[in-house]
Amino acid sequence: MANEMEKPEFWEKSFTEKQEMWGFEPSKSAVLTNDFFLGHSVKNMLIPGIGYGRNAQIFRDNGISVTGIEISKTAIELARKHYGPEMTIYHGSVTEMPFDKVLYDGIFCYGLIHLLDSDDRAKLIRDCYNQLTENGYMVFTAITKEAHTYGQGTFISKDRYEMFGGVRMFFYDRESIQEEFGNAGLFEVTEITENYPFYLIKCSKNDQQVV
């Protein structure tokens, strides 16, 4: 069975029915990442899976140029409605990256990577890393094994389960973070509680790393 989360129809239906389903306040992770990016002079950034833009605006309000990638046309229309037409948002799946040849000072990927299978997770990390400027930073959030949903639903593979009518989720621990991000400039992992317990994963790029 195909992963529904990787199908545009899943997200079209979600955004059509639920519209601004997460409200307009930025996530805690976005607030922390904004502070981090400002402290490291990030001027332009990419948000894969930008949704309707609720996590983008805090960066824009602080003078950072934001480009997005979003699989749902409805979500892009909502972003245009609420935040204006100026922001570049590419329509498509993050699995189809890259969409441009721009190198970004920062990349913020919120609540997305754990919805992909192992090959697509590796590709996303590699594609994001390759679009960073030298000494650029990328920040990911990923669900942890502390989530109450860990181990529920249908077992797919190690630490990956299908639930909620087709949602497949991979639950991270610090070992799997090291395995997947260790060669991508991983330098900090912290825990943060959003709607689920998440890891906030920070990586930096330098010429000593190969992804």
N, C-alpha and C. Protein backbone atom coordinates (compact mmCIF):
# COMPACT_ATOMS: atom_id res chain seq x y z
N MET A 1 0.84 -1.21 0.00
CA MET A 1 0.00 0.00 0.00
C MET A 1 0.87 1.25 0.00
N ALA A 2 0.59 2.18 -0.86
CA ALA A 2 1.38 3.41 -0.94
C ALA A 2 1.14 4.27 0.30
N ASN A 3 2.15 5.02 0.66
CA ASN A 3 2.03 5.94 1.78
C ASN A 3 1.17 7.12 1.38
N GLU A 4 0.03 7.26 2.03
CA GLU A 4 -0.89 8.34 1.68
C GLU A 4 -0.26 9.72 1.88
N MET A 5 0.66 9.83 2.86
CA MET A 5 1.27 11.12 3.13
C MET A 5 2.16 11.59 2.00
N GLU A 6 2.56 10.67 1.13
CA GLU A 6 3.40 11.04 0.00
C GLU A 6 2.58 11.33 -1.25
N LYS A 7 1.26 11.26 -1.13
CA LYS A 7 0.38 11.53 -2.25
C LYS A 7 -0.18 12.95 -2.15
N PRO A 8 -0.16 13.71 -3.25
CA PRO A 8 -0.73 15.04 -3.19
C PRO A 8 -2.21 15.04 -2.83
N GLU A 9 -2.93 13.96 -3.20
CA GLU A 9 -4.37 13.90 -2.91
C GLU A 9 -4.64 13.95 -1.41
N PHE A 10 -3.77 13.33 -0.62
CA PHE A 10 -3.96 13.32 0.83
C PHE A 10 -3.94 14.74 1.37
N TRP A 11 -2.92 15.50 0.95
CA TRP A 11 -2.78 16.87 1.46
C TRP A 11 -3.81 17.81 0.87
N GLU A 12 -4.17 17.60 -0.40
CA GLU A 12 -5.24 18.42 -0.99
C GLU A 12 -6.51 18.28 -0.18
N LYS A 13 -6.86 17.03 0.12
CA LYS A 13 -8.08 16.77 0.89
C LYS A 13 -7.98 17.40 2.28
N SER A 14 -6.83 17.25 2.92
CA SER A 14 -6.65 17.78 4.27
C SER A 14 -6.80 19.30 4.29
N PHE A 15 -6.11 19.99 3.37
CA PHE A 15 -6.17 21.45 3.38
C PHE A 15 -7.51 21.98 2.87
N THR A 16 -8.14 21.25 1.96
CA THR A 16 -9.45 21.66 1.48
C THR A 16 -10.49 21.57 2.59
N GLU A 17 -10.43 20.48 3.35
CA GLU A 17 -11.43 20.26 4.41
C GLU A 17 -11.13 21.05 5.68
N LYS A 18 -9.84 21.14 6.02
CA LYS A 18 -9.47 21.71 7.32
C LYS A 18 -8.84 23.09 7.22
N GLN A 19 -8.55 23.51 6.01
CA GLN A 19 -8.01 24.86 5.76
C GLN A 19 -6.80 25.14 6.67
N GLU A 20 -6.87 26.18 7.49
CA GLU A 20 -5.73 26.56 8.34
C GLU A 20 -5.74 25.71 9.61
N MET A 21 -5.50 24.43 9.44
CA MET A 21 -5.74 23.44 10.50
C MET A 21 -4.84 23.61 11.72
N TRP A 22 -3.71 24.30 11.57
CA TRP A 22 -2.80 24.48 12.70
C TRP A 22 -2.82 25.92 13.23
N GLY A 23 -3.76 26.72 12.77
CA GLY A 23 -3.80 28.10 13.22
C GLY A 23 -2.74 28.96 12.55
N PHE A 24 -2.46 30.11 13.14
CA PHE A 24 -1.51 31.05 12.53
C PHE A 24 -0.27 31.31 13.37
N GLU A 25 -0.29 30.86 14.61
CA GLU A 25 0.90 31.06 15.43
C GLU A 25 2.01 30.12 14.97
N PRO A 26 3.24 30.59 14.90
CA PRO A 26 4.34 29.70 14.51
C PRO A 26 4.57 28.64 15.57
N SER A 27 5.10 27.52 15.16
CA SER A 27 5.44 26.46 16.11
C SER A 27 6.56 26.93 17.03
N LYS A 28 6.70 26.27 18.17
CA LYS A 28 7.82 26.57 19.07
C LYS A 28 9.14 26.38 18.35
N SER A 29 9.21 25.35 17.53
CA SER A 29 10.44 25.07 16.79
C SER A 29 10.79 26.20 15.83
N ALA A 30 9.77 26.78 15.20
CA ALA A 30 10.02 27.90 14.28
C ALA A 30 10.53 29.11 15.05
N VAL A 31 9.98 29.37 16.22
CA VAL A 31 10.43 30.50 17.04
C VAL A 31 11.90 30.32 17.42
N LEU A 32 12.25 29.14 17.90
CA LEU A 32 13.63 28.86 18.28
C LEU A 32 14.56 28.92 17.08
N THR A 33 14.12 28.39 15.94
CA THR A 33 14.96 28.39 14.75
C THR A 33 15.14 29.81 14.22
N ASN A 34 14.10 30.61 14.30
CA ASN A 34 14.22 32.01 13.89
C ASN A 34 15.30 32.72 14.72
N ASP A 35 15.27 32.53 16.03
CA ASP A 35 16.30 33.14 16.88
C ASP A 35 17.69 32.65 16.50
N PHE A 36 17.79 31.34 16.25
CA PHE A 36 19.07 30.75 15.87
C PHE A 36 19.56 31.32 14.54
N PHE A 37 18.67 31.39 13.55
CA PHE A 37 19.05 31.91 12.24
C PHE A 37 19.46 33.38 12.32
N LEU A 38 18.73 34.17 13.09
CA LEU A 38 19.09 35.58 13.24
C LEU A 38 20.47 35.72 13.88
N GLY A 39 20.75 34.85 14.84
CA GLY A 39 22.05 34.89 15.50
C GLY A 39 23.19 34.45 14.62
N HIS A 40 22.87 33.78 13.52
CA HIS A 40 23.90 33.31 12.58
C HIS A 40 23.77 33.98 11.21
N SER A 41 23.13 35.12 11.19
CA SER A 41 23.08 35.99 10.00
C SER A 41 22.52 35.32 8.76
N VAL A 42 21.51 34.46 8.94
CA VAL A 42 20.83 33.85 7.80
C VAL A 42 20.00 34.91 7.09
N LYS A 43 20.18 35.01 5.79
CA LYS A 43 19.47 36.03 5.00
C LYS A 43 18.40 35.44 4.08
N ASN A 44 18.64 34.21 3.62
CA ASN A 44 17.65 33.56 2.76
C ASN A 44 17.52 32.10 3.17
N MET A 45 16.30 31.60 3.12
CA MET A 45 16.07 30.25 3.61
C MET A 45 15.00 29.53 2.79
N LEU A 46 15.02 28.21 2.91
CA LEU A 46 14.08 27.33 2.23
C LEU A 46 13.28 26.57 3.28
N ILE A 47 11.96 26.47 3.06
CA ILE A 47 11.11 25.66 3.92
C ILE A 47 10.44 24.57 3.08
N PRO A 48 10.98 23.36 3.07
CA PRO A 48 10.30 22.25 2.39
C PRO A 48 9.05 21.87 3.18
N GLY A 49 7.93 21.74 2.50
CA GLY A 49 6.67 21.44 3.19
C GLY A 49 6.16 22.66 3.94
N ILE A 50 6.05 23.77 3.24
CA ILE A 50 5.72 25.06 3.88
C ILE A 50 4.25 25.16 4.27
N GLY A 51 3.40 24.28 3.74
CA GLY A 51 1.98 24.34 4.09
C GLY A 51 1.37 25.67 3.67
N TYR A 52 0.56 26.27 4.55
CA TYR A 52 -0.04 27.57 4.23
C TYR A 52 0.76 28.73 4.82
N GLY A 53 1.98 28.42 5.27
CA GLY A 53 2.92 29.50 5.59
C GLY A 53 2.99 29.94 7.03
N ARG A 54 2.34 29.24 7.94
CA ARG A 54 2.30 29.75 9.32
C ARG A 54 3.69 29.78 9.96
N ASN A 55 4.59 28.87 9.56
CA ASN A 55 5.94 28.89 10.11
C ASN A 55 6.88 29.79 9.32
N ALA A 56 6.42 30.32 8.21
CA ALA A 56 7.28 31.17 7.38
C ALA A 56 7.28 32.62 7.84
N GLN A 57 6.15 33.08 8.34
CA GLN A 57 5.99 34.52 8.55
C GLN A 57 6.93 35.09 9.59
N ILE A 58 7.23 34.33 10.64
CA ILE A 58 8.12 34.84 11.67
C ILE A 58 9.51 35.14 11.10
N PHE A 59 9.96 34.33 10.16
CA PHE A 59 11.25 34.58 9.51
C PHE A 59 11.17 35.81 8.62
N ARG A 60 10.09 35.92 7.88
CA ARG A 60 9.91 37.07 6.98
C ARG A 60 9.81 38.37 7.78
N ASP A 61 9.11 38.30 8.92
CA ASP A 61 8.98 39.49 9.77
C ASP A 61 10.33 39.97 10.29
N ASN A 62 11.29 39.06 10.30
CA ASN A 62 12.63 39.41 10.78
C ASN A 62 13.65 39.60 9.66
N GLY A 63 13.12 39.82 8.45
CA GLY A 63 13.98 40.21 7.34
C GLY A 63 14.64 39.09 6.58
N ILE A 64 14.23 37.85 6.83
CA ILE A 64 14.80 36.71 6.11
C ILE A 64 13.92 36.41 4.90
N SER A 65 14.54 36.26 3.74
CA SER A 65 13.81 35.90 2.53
C SER A 65 13.49 34.41 2.56
N VAL A 66 12.21 34.07 2.35
CA VAL A 66 11.76 32.68 2.47
C VAL A 66 11.27 32.16 1.11
N THR A 67 11.73 30.97 0.76
CA THR A 67 11.22 30.21 -0.38
C THR A 67 10.63 28.91 0.16
N GLY A 68 9.51 28.47 -0.41
CA GLY A 68 8.86 27.27 0.08
C GLY A 68 8.67 26.21 -0.99
N ILE A 69 8.43 25.00 -0.53
CA ILE A 69 8.01 23.88 -1.38
C ILE A 69 6.76 23.30 -0.74
N GLU A 70 5.73 23.07 -1.55
CA GLU A 70 4.47 22.55 -0.99
C GLU A 70 3.76 21.68 -2.02
N ILE A 71 3.27 20.52 -1.55
CA ILE A 71 2.64 19.56 -2.44
C ILE A 71 1.17 19.89 -2.72
N SER A 72 0.55 20.69 -1.85
CA SER A 72 -0.88 20.99 -1.98
C SER A 72 -1.11 22.36 -2.62
N LYS A 73 -1.83 22.39 -3.72
CA LYS A 73 -2.19 23.66 -4.36
C LYS A 73 -3.07 24.50 -3.44
N THR A 74 -3.97 23.85 -2.71
CA THR A 74 -4.85 24.59 -1.80
C THR A 74 -4.04 25.28 -0.72
N ALA A 75 -3.04 24.60 -0.17
CA ALA A 75 -2.19 25.20 0.86
C ALA A 75 -1.46 26.42 0.30
N ILE A 76 -0.97 26.31 -0.93
CA ILE A 76 -0.28 27.45 -1.56
C ILE A 76 -1.24 28.62 -1.73
N GLU A 77 -2.47 28.34 -2.15
CA GLU A 77 -3.47 29.41 -2.29
C GLU A 77 -3.76 30.07 -0.94
N LEU A 78 -3.82 29.28 0.13
CA LEU A 78 -4.02 29.84 1.47
C LEU A 78 -2.84 30.72 1.88
N ALA A 79 -1.64 30.27 1.55
CA ALA A 79 -0.45 31.08 1.87
C ALA A 79 -0.49 32.41 1.14
N ARG A 80 -0.89 32.39 -0.12
CA ARG A 80 -1.00 33.63 -0.90
C ARG A 80 -2.06 34.56 -0.28
N LYS A 81 -3.16 33.95 0.13
CA LYS A 81 -4.26 34.73 0.72
C LYS A 81 -3.82 35.43 2.01
N HIS A 82 -3.12 34.72 2.86
CA HIS A 82 -2.80 35.26 4.18
C HIS A 82 -1.49 36.04 4.23
N TYR A 83 -0.55 35.68 3.37
CA TYR A 83 0.78 36.27 3.50
C TYR A 83 1.27 36.97 2.24
N GLY A 84 0.40 37.07 1.23
CA GLY A 84 0.75 37.82 0.04
C GLY A 84 1.41 36.97 -1.03
N PRO A 85 1.50 37.52 -2.24
CA PRO A 85 2.00 36.75 -3.38
C PRO A 85 3.51 36.83 -3.57
N GLU A 86 4.21 37.55 -2.71
CA GLU A 86 5.62 37.82 -2.97
C GLU A 86 6.53 36.60 -2.77
N MET A 87 6.13 35.73 -1.87
CA MET A 87 6.99 34.60 -1.53
C MET A 87 6.95 33.53 -2.62
N THR A 88 8.12 33.07 -3.02
CA THR A 88 8.20 31.98 -4.00
C THR A 88 7.87 30.66 -3.32
N ILE A 89 6.87 29.96 -3.85
CA ILE A 89 6.52 28.63 -3.36
C ILE A 89 6.44 27.69 -4.56
N TYR A 90 7.28 26.70 -4.57
CA TYR A 90 7.25 25.71 -5.65
C TYR A 90 6.21 24.64 -5.35
N HIS A 91 5.40 24.31 -6.35
CA HIS A 91 4.38 23.29 -6.16
C HIS A 91 4.95 21.93 -6.54
N GLY A 92 5.00 21.04 -5.55
CA GLY A 92 5.50 19.70 -5.81
C GLY A 92 5.90 19.02 -4.52
N SER A 93 6.33 17.77 -4.64
CA SER A 93 6.76 17.00 -3.48
C SER A 93 8.22 17.28 -3.16
N VAL A 94 8.55 17.25 -1.87
CA VAL A 94 9.95 17.43 -1.49
C VAL A 94 10.82 16.31 -2.05
N THR A 95 10.23 15.19 -2.41
CA THR A 95 11.00 14.10 -2.99
C THR A 95 11.49 14.45 -4.40
N GLU A 96 10.98 15.54 -4.96
CA GLU A 96 11.39 15.98 -6.29
C GLU A 96 12.44 17.09 -6.24
N MET A 97 12.91 17.43 -5.06
CA MET A 97 13.96 18.45 -4.94
C MET A 97 15.20 18.02 -5.75
N PRO A 98 15.95 19.04 -6.24
CA PRO A 98 15.78 20.49 -6.05
C PRO A 98 14.85 21.11 -7.09
N PHE A 99 14.21 22.21 -6.71
CA PHE A 99 13.34 22.96 -7.61
C PHE A 99 14.04 24.18 -8.19
N ASP A 100 15.17 24.55 -7.63
CA ASP A 100 15.95 25.65 -8.17
C ASP A 100 17.43 25.37 -7.90
N LYS A 101 18.29 26.27 -8.35
CA LYS A 101 19.73 26.10 -8.16
C LYS A 101 20.27 27.06 -7.11
N VAL A 102 19.36 27.64 -6.34
CA VAL A 102 19.75 28.60 -5.31
C VAL A 102 20.41 27.87 -4.14
N LEU A 103 21.44 28.48 -3.56
CA LEU A 103 22.00 28.00 -2.31
C LEU A 103 21.46 28.87 -1.19
N TYR A 104 21.00 28.25 -0.13
CA TYR A 104 20.34 28.96 0.97
C TYR A 104 21.23 28.98 2.21
N ASP A 105 21.16 30.08 2.96
CA ASP A 105 21.88 30.17 4.23
C ASP A 105 21.26 29.26 5.28
N GLY A 106 19.94 29.06 5.18
CA GLY A 106 19.24 28.24 6.17
C GLY A 106 18.12 27.43 5.54
N ILE A 107 17.85 26.27 6.10
CA ILE A 107 16.72 25.43 5.69
C ILE A 107 16.02 24.96 6.96
N PHE A 108 14.69 25.09 6.98
CA PHE A 108 13.89 24.67 8.12
C PHE A 108 12.83 23.70 7.64
N CYS A 109 12.87 22.49 8.17
CA CYS A 109 11.96 21.44 7.72
C CYS A 109 11.20 20.91 8.93
N TYR A 110 9.94 21.29 9.04
CA TYR A 110 9.15 21.04 10.24
C TYR A 110 8.17 19.89 10.07
N GLY A 111 8.28 18.88 10.93
CA GLY A 111 7.27 17.83 11.00
C GLY A 111 7.03 17.09 9.71
N LEU A 112 8.07 16.91 8.91
CA LEU A 112 7.91 16.32 7.59
C LEU A 112 8.70 15.04 7.41
N ILE A 113 9.96 15.06 7.83
CA ILE A 113 10.86 13.96 7.47
C ILE A 113 10.37 12.62 7.99
N HIS A 114 9.69 12.61 9.14
CA HIS A 114 9.24 11.33 9.71
C HIS A 114 8.06 10.73 8.95
N LEU A 115 7.53 11.45 7.98
CA LEU A 115 6.43 10.93 7.16
C LEU A 115 6.93 10.20 5.91
N LEU A 116 8.25 10.19 5.72
CA LEU A 116 8.85 9.58 4.53
C LEU A 116 9.47 8.23 4.84
N ASP A 117 9.66 7.42 3.79
CA ASP A 117 10.35 6.15 4.01
C ASP A 117 11.86 6.39 4.06
N SER A 118 12.61 5.36 4.32
CA SER A 118 14.05 5.54 4.58
C SER A 118 14.79 6.13 3.38
N ASP A 119 14.46 5.69 2.17
CA ASP A 119 15.13 6.22 0.99
C ASP A 119 14.82 7.69 0.79
N ASP A 120 13.56 8.07 0.97
CA ASP A 120 13.17 9.46 0.78
C ASP A 120 13.69 10.36 1.91
N ARG A 121 13.81 9.80 3.11
CA ARG A 121 14.43 10.58 4.19
C ARG A 121 15.89 10.89 3.86
N ALA A 122 16.59 9.87 3.40
CA ALA A 122 18.00 10.07 3.04
C ALA A 122 18.14 11.08 1.90
N LYS A 123 17.24 10.99 0.92
CA LYS A 123 17.28 11.93 -0.21
C LYS A 123 16.98 13.35 0.25
N LEU A 124 16.00 13.51 1.15
CA LEU A 124 15.66 14.85 1.62
C LEU A 124 16.84 15.48 2.36
N ILE A 125 17.48 14.71 3.23
CA ILE A 125 18.64 15.23 3.96
C ILE A 125 19.73 15.62 2.97
N ARG A 126 19.99 14.77 2.02
CA ARG A 126 21.04 15.03 1.02
C ARG A 126 20.69 16.25 0.17
N ASP A 127 19.44 16.33 -0.29
CA ASP A 127 19.03 17.44 -1.14
C ASP A 127 19.09 18.77 -0.39
N CYS A 128 18.66 18.77 0.87
CA CYS A 128 18.72 20.00 1.66
C CYS A 128 20.17 20.41 1.88
N TYR A 129 20.99 19.45 2.25
CA TYR A 129 22.41 19.73 2.49
C TYR A 129 23.07 20.33 1.25
N ASN A 130 22.74 19.77 0.09
CA ASN A 130 23.34 20.24 -1.16
C ASN A 130 22.90 21.64 -1.54
N GLN A 131 21.78 22.11 -0.97
CA GLN A 131 21.32 23.47 -1.28
C GLN A 131 21.71 24.48 -0.20
N LEU A 132 22.59 24.09 0.71
CA LEU A 132 23.10 25.03 1.70
C LEU A 132 24.34 25.74 1.18
N THR A 133 24.47 27.00 1.55
CA THR A 133 25.72 27.71 1.32
C THR A 133 26.79 27.13 2.24
N GLU A 134 28.04 27.40 1.92
CA GLU A 134 29.11 27.01 2.83
C GLU A 134 28.86 27.65 4.20
N ASN A 135 28.94 26.84 5.25
CA ASN A 135 28.65 27.27 6.62
C ASN A 135 27.17 27.61 6.85
N GLY A 136 26.30 27.12 5.94
CA GLY A 136 24.87 27.28 6.15
C GLY A 136 24.35 26.27 7.17
N TYR A 137 23.10 26.47 7.57
CA TYR A 137 22.51 25.63 8.62
C TYR A 137 21.18 25.05 8.15
N MET A 138 20.93 23.81 8.55
CA MET A 138 19.60 23.23 8.32
C MET A 138 19.08 22.66 9.63
N VAL A 139 17.78 22.89 9.86
CA VAL A 139 17.14 22.48 11.10
C VAL A 139 15.91 21.65 10.75
N PHE A 140 15.83 20.46 11.32
CA PHE A 140 14.71 19.56 11.10
C PHE A 140 14.01 19.31 12.43
N THR A 141 12.70 19.12 12.40
CA THR A 141 12.00 18.56 13.55
C THR A 141 11.47 17.19 13.16
N ALA A 142 11.53 16.27 14.13
CA ALA A 142 11.11 14.90 13.87
C ALA A 142 10.48 14.31 15.12
N ILE A 143 9.46 13.51 14.94
CA ILE A 143 8.76 12.90 16.07
C ILE A 143 9.64 11.87 16.76
N THR A 144 9.49 11.75 18.07
CA THR A 144 10.33 10.85 18.85
C THR A 144 9.54 9.62 19.30
N LYS A 145 10.28 8.67 19.82
CA LYS A 145 9.66 7.45 20.35
C LYS A 145 8.87 7.71 21.64
N GLU A 146 9.02 8.89 22.19
CA GLU A 146 8.25 9.24 23.39
C GLU A 146 6.79 9.55 23.07
N ALA A 147 6.46 9.70 21.79
CA ALA A 147 5.08 9.98 21.40
C ALA A 147 4.17 8.83 21.81
N HIS A 148 2.95 9.17 22.25
CA HIS A 148 2.02 8.13 22.71
C HIS A 148 1.58 7.21 21.57
N THR A 149 1.80 7.64 20.33
CA THR A 149 1.40 6.83 19.18
C THR A 149 2.49 5.84 18.76
N TYR A 150 3.67 5.93 19.37
CA TYR A 150 4.73 5.00 19.00
C TYR A 150 4.31 3.56 19.30
N GLY A 151 4.47 2.69 18.30
CA GLY A 151 4.11 1.29 18.46
C GLY A 151 2.66 0.97 18.18
N GLN A 152 1.86 2.00 17.89
CA GLN A 152 0.46 1.77 17.58
C GLN A 152 0.26 1.58 16.07
N GLY A 153 -0.91 1.13 15.70
CA GLY A 153 -1.20 0.95 14.28
C GLY A 153 -0.56 -0.30 13.72
N THR A 154 -0.33 -0.29 12.43
CA THR A 154 0.21 -1.45 11.72
C THR A 154 1.71 -1.31 11.57
N PHE A 155 2.44 -2.33 11.99
CA PHE A 155 3.90 -2.34 11.86
C PHE A 155 4.29 -2.38 10.39
N ILE A 156 5.16 -1.46 9.97
CA ILE A 156 5.65 -1.42 8.59
C ILE A 156 7.09 -1.93 8.53
N SER A 157 7.93 -1.33 9.34
CA SER A 157 9.33 -1.71 9.45
C SER A 157 9.83 -1.16 10.78
N LYS A 158 11.09 -1.37 11.09
CA LYS A 158 11.61 -0.95 12.39
C LYS A 158 11.27 0.51 12.68
N ASP A 159 10.54 0.75 13.77
CA ASP A 159 10.17 2.09 14.25
C ASP A 159 9.26 2.85 13.28
N ARG A 160 8.63 2.14 12.35
CA ARG A 160 7.73 2.79 11.39
C ARG A 160 6.38 2.08 11.43
N TYR A 161 5.30 2.87 11.58
CA TYR A 161 3.96 2.32 11.74
C TYR A 161 2.97 3.10 10.90
N GLU A 162 1.94 2.39 10.45
CA GLU A 162 0.86 3.04 9.71
C GLU A 162 -0.35 3.20 10.63
N MET A 163 -0.91 4.41 10.64
CA MET A 163 -2.04 4.71 11.52
C MET A 163 -2.88 5.80 10.89
N PHE A 164 -3.94 6.20 11.55
CA PHE A 164 -4.79 7.32 11.10
C PHE A 164 -5.23 7.16 9.65
N GLY A 165 -5.54 5.95 9.23
CA GLY A 165 -6.08 5.75 7.90
C GLY A 165 -5.09 5.95 6.77
N GLY A 166 -3.84 5.60 6.99
CA GLY A 166 -2.88 5.66 5.90
C GLY A 166 -1.63 6.45 6.19
N VAL A 167 -1.55 7.08 7.35
CA VAL A 167 -0.36 7.85 7.72
C VAL A 167 0.74 6.90 8.18
N ARG A 168 1.88 6.97 7.54
CA ARG A 168 3.02 6.16 7.95
C ARG A 168 4.06 7.06 8.61
N MET A 169 4.44 6.72 9.83
CA MET A 169 5.35 7.57 10.59
C MET A 169 6.54 6.77 11.08
N PHE A 170 7.70 7.39 10.93
CA PHE A 170 8.94 6.83 11.47
C PHE A 170 9.27 7.57 12.75
N PHE A 171 9.48 6.84 13.83
CA PHE A 171 9.73 7.45 15.13
C PHE A 171 11.23 7.41 15.43
N TYR A 172 11.79 8.58 15.65
CA TYR A 172 13.24 8.70 15.83
C TYR A 172 13.66 8.51 17.28
N ASP A 173 14.89 8.01 17.46
CA ASP A 173 15.60 8.12 18.72
C ASP A 173 16.97 8.71 18.37
N ARG A 174 17.80 8.92 19.39
CA ARG A 174 19.08 9.59 19.13
C ARG A 174 20.00 8.73 18.26
N GLU A 175 19.85 7.44 18.34
CA GLU A 175 20.67 6.55 17.51
C GLU A 175 20.31 6.70 16.03
N SER A 176 19.02 6.72 15.72
CA SER A 176 18.62 6.85 14.30
C SER A 176 18.91 8.25 13.78
N ILE A 177 18.86 9.26 14.65
CA ILE A 177 19.27 10.60 14.22
C ILE A 177 20.74 10.60 13.83
N GLN A 178 21.57 9.98 14.65
CA GLN A 178 22.99 9.90 14.33
C GLN A 178 23.22 9.16 13.02
N GLU A 179 22.49 8.08 12.83
CA GLU A 179 22.64 7.29 11.60
C GLU A 179 22.29 8.11 10.36
N GLU A 180 21.21 8.87 10.43
CA GLU A 180 20.70 9.55 9.24
C GLU A 180 21.32 10.93 9.03
N PHE A 181 21.65 11.63 10.13
CA PHE A 181 22.16 13.00 10.02
C PHE A 181 23.66 13.12 10.34
N GLY A 182 24.25 12.03 10.80
CA GLY A 182 25.63 12.09 11.28
C GLY A 182 26.64 12.58 10.26
N ASN A 183 26.40 12.26 8.99
CA ASN A 183 27.32 12.69 7.93
C ASN A 183 26.88 13.99 7.26
N ALA A 184 25.86 14.65 7.84
CA ALA A 184 25.33 15.88 7.26
C ALA A 184 25.56 17.07 8.18
N GLY A 185 26.66 17.01 8.94
CA GLY A 185 27.02 18.15 9.77
C GLY A 185 26.23 18.26 11.05
N LEU A 186 25.70 17.14 11.54
CA LEU A 186 24.92 17.15 12.79
C LEU A 186 25.77 17.69 13.94
N PHE A 187 25.22 18.68 14.66
CA PHE A 187 25.97 19.19 15.80
C PHE A 187 25.13 19.40 17.05
N GLU A 188 23.79 19.32 16.95
CA GLU A 188 22.99 19.50 18.16
C GLU A 188 21.64 18.83 18.00
N VAL A 189 21.20 18.14 19.04
CA VAL A 189 19.87 17.54 19.09
C VAL A 189 19.25 17.93 20.43
N THR A 190 18.09 18.58 20.39
CA THR A 190 17.39 18.93 21.61
C THR A 190 15.96 18.41 21.52
N GLU A 191 15.31 18.32 22.66
CA GLU A 191 13.94 17.84 22.71
C GLU A 191 12.99 19.02 22.91
N ILE A 192 11.87 18.97 22.21
CA ILE A 192 10.89 20.04 22.30
C ILE A 192 9.50 19.43 22.17
N THR A 193 8.55 19.97 22.88
CA THR A 193 7.18 19.45 22.82
C THR A 193 6.32 20.40 21.99
N GLU A 194 5.79 19.86 20.91
CA GLU A 194 4.81 20.59 20.09
C GLU A 194 3.47 19.86 20.33
N ASN A 195 2.75 19.50 19.27
CA ASN A 195 1.59 18.65 19.45
C ASN A 195 2.01 17.22 19.79
N TYR A 196 3.26 16.89 19.45
CA TYR A 196 3.89 15.63 19.82
C TYR A 196 5.28 15.96 20.35
N PRO A 197 5.92 15.03 21.06
CA PRO A 197 7.32 15.25 21.41
C PRO A 197 8.20 15.15 20.16
N PHE A 198 8.99 16.16 19.94
CA PHE A 198 9.85 16.25 18.76
C PHE A 198 11.31 16.36 19.18
N TYR A 199 12.18 15.99 18.25
CA TYR A 199 13.58 16.38 18.31
C TYR A 199 13.77 17.59 17.40
N LEU A 200 14.58 18.53 17.87
CA LEU A 200 15.02 19.66 17.05
C LEU A 200 16.46 19.35 16.66
N ILE A 201 16.68 19.11 15.38
CA ILE A 201 17.94 18.57 14.87
C ILE A 201 18.66 19.66 14.06
N LYS A 202 19.86 20.01 14.47
CA LYS A 202 20.60 21.08 13.80
C LYS A 202 21.85 20.52 13.12
N CYS A 203 22.05 20.95 11.88
CA CYS A 203 23.22 20.56 11.10
C CYS A 203 23.85 21.80 10.47
N SER A 204 25.15 21.75 10.27
CA SER A 204 25.84 22.84 9.57
C SER A 204 26.69 22.25 8.45
N LYS A 205 26.96 23.05 7.46
CA LYS A 205 27.69 22.58 6.29
C LYS A 205 29.11 23.12 6.27
N ASN A 206 30.05 22.22 6.06
CA ASN A 206 31.41 22.66 5.75
C ASN A 206 32.02 21.69 4.77
N ASP A 207 33.18 22.05 4.25
CA ASP A 207 33.74 21.27 3.13
C ASP A 207 34.36 19.95 3.57
N GLN A 208 34.29 19.63 4.86
CA GLN A 208 34.84 18.37 5.33
C GLN A 208 33.83 17.23 5.28
N GLN A 209 32.58 17.55 5.00
CA GLN A 209 31.52 16.54 5.06
C GLN A 209 31.12 16.07 3.66
N VAL A 210 30.76 14.82 3.60
CA VAL A 210 30.26 14.24 2.36
C VAL A 210 28.94 13.56 2.68
N VAL A 211 27.88 13.94 1.95
CA VAL A 211 26.56 13.36 2.17
C VAL A 211 26.20 12.47 0.99
